[in-house]
Amino acid sequence: LETLLKTDAASGLWWLAFQGTSRLGVRALEVIANAESLRKLEVLTLRWCEIDNEAGQVLAASKGLPKLREVDLLG
């Protein structure tokens, strides 16, 4: 994930989605929340990713996603 988010292609993303059996923990949310390439991200979908309270708090406390307006944590 960290390598992917360091690519030039990631810098234009306005929406990022993980769904299904993606088990994202604290470290993954830290990477997403602090990725320079995601400064334009507006929508983050994390459906059925088993986000626990600690990982959710990492995301909520982040100041690294200034344009984020929607987070989908269904499931």
Protein backbone atom coordinates (compact mmCIF):
# COMPACT_ATOMS: atom_id res chain seq x y z
CA LEU A 1 0.00 0.00 0.00
CA GLU A 2 2.76 2.41 0.91
CA THR A 3 4.57 1.75 -2.38
CA LEU A 4 1.36 2.19 -4.38
CA LEU A 5 0.56 5.50 -2.73
CA LYS A 6 4.04 6.84 -3.54
CA THR A 7 3.43 6.58 -7.30
CA ASP A 8 2.61 9.55 -9.51
CA ALA A 9 -0.63 7.83 -10.54
CA ALA A 10 -1.96 8.05 -6.97
CA SER A 11 -1.57 11.83 -6.80
CA GLY A 12 -4.71 12.46 -8.84
CA LEU A 13 -7.04 10.24 -6.81
CA TRP A 14 -10.18 11.86 -5.47
CA TRP A 15 -11.77 8.52 -4.46
CA LEU A 16 -10.11 5.44 -2.96
CA ALA A 17 -11.99 2.24 -2.15
CA PHE A 18 -11.19 -0.98 -0.34
CA GLN A 19 -13.96 -3.53 -0.09
CA GLY A 20 -14.58 -7.12 0.84
CA THR A 21 -11.92 -9.05 2.63
CA SER A 22 -9.37 -6.22 2.91
CA ARG A 23 -8.38 -6.27 6.57
CA LEU A 24 -6.92 -2.85 7.18
CA GLY A 25 -5.34 -2.20 10.54
CA VAL A 26 -3.79 0.77 12.25
CA ARG A 27 -0.65 0.78 10.09
CA ALA A 28 -2.66 0.80 6.83
CA LEU A 29 -4.80 3.70 8.07
CA GLU A 30 -1.66 5.60 9.09
CA VAL A 31 -0.27 5.13 5.58
CA ILE A 32 -3.52 6.35 4.00
CA ALA A 33 -3.91 9.27 6.41
CA ASN A 34 -0.35 10.50 5.84
CA ALA A 35 0.12 9.82 2.12
CA GLU A 36 1.25 12.99 0.33
CA SER A 37 -0.35 11.63 -2.84
CA LEU A 38 -3.83 11.65 -1.28
CA ARG A 39 -4.06 15.38 -0.57
CA LYS A 40 -6.85 15.62 -3.20
CA LEU A 41 -8.80 12.66 -1.81
CA GLU A 42 -12.47 13.49 -1.24
CA VAL A 43 -14.07 10.06 -0.73
CA LEU A 44 -12.66 7.05 1.13
CA THR A 45 -14.59 3.79 1.03
CA LEU A 46 -13.56 1.09 3.51
CA ARG A 47 -16.47 -1.36 3.30
CA TRP A 48 -16.15 -4.61 5.22
CA CYS A 49 -12.46 -3.96 5.98
CA GLU A 50 -12.68 -4.80 9.68
CA ILE A 51 -11.68 -1.31 10.80
CA ASP A 52 -11.42 -1.34 14.59
CA ASN A 53 -11.73 1.63 16.95
CA GLU A 54 -7.99 2.27 17.09
CA ALA A 55 -7.67 2.35 13.28
CA GLY A 56 -10.73 4.56 13.00
CA GLN A 57 -9.27 6.99 15.52
CA VAL A 58 -6.07 7.22 13.49
CA LEU A 59 -8.10 8.24 10.46
CA ALA A 60 -10.32 10.65 12.39
CA ALA A 61 -7.32 12.42 13.96
CA SER A 62 -5.47 12.81 10.67
CA LYS A 63 -4.83 16.24 9.21
CA GLY A 64 -3.21 14.72 6.13
CA LEU A 65 -6.44 14.46 4.10
CA PRO A 66 -7.61 18.09 3.90
CA LYS A 67 -10.25 17.57 1.20
CA LEU A 68 -11.78 14.40 2.64
CA ARG A 69 -15.55 14.90 2.91
CA GLU A 70 -16.92 11.35 2.97
CA VAL A 71 -15.81 8.12 4.64
CA ASP A 72 -17.84 4.96 4.10
CA LEU A 73 -17.27 2.35 6.83
CA LEU A 74 -20.18 0.05 6.02
CA GLY A 75 -19.76 -3.34 7.63
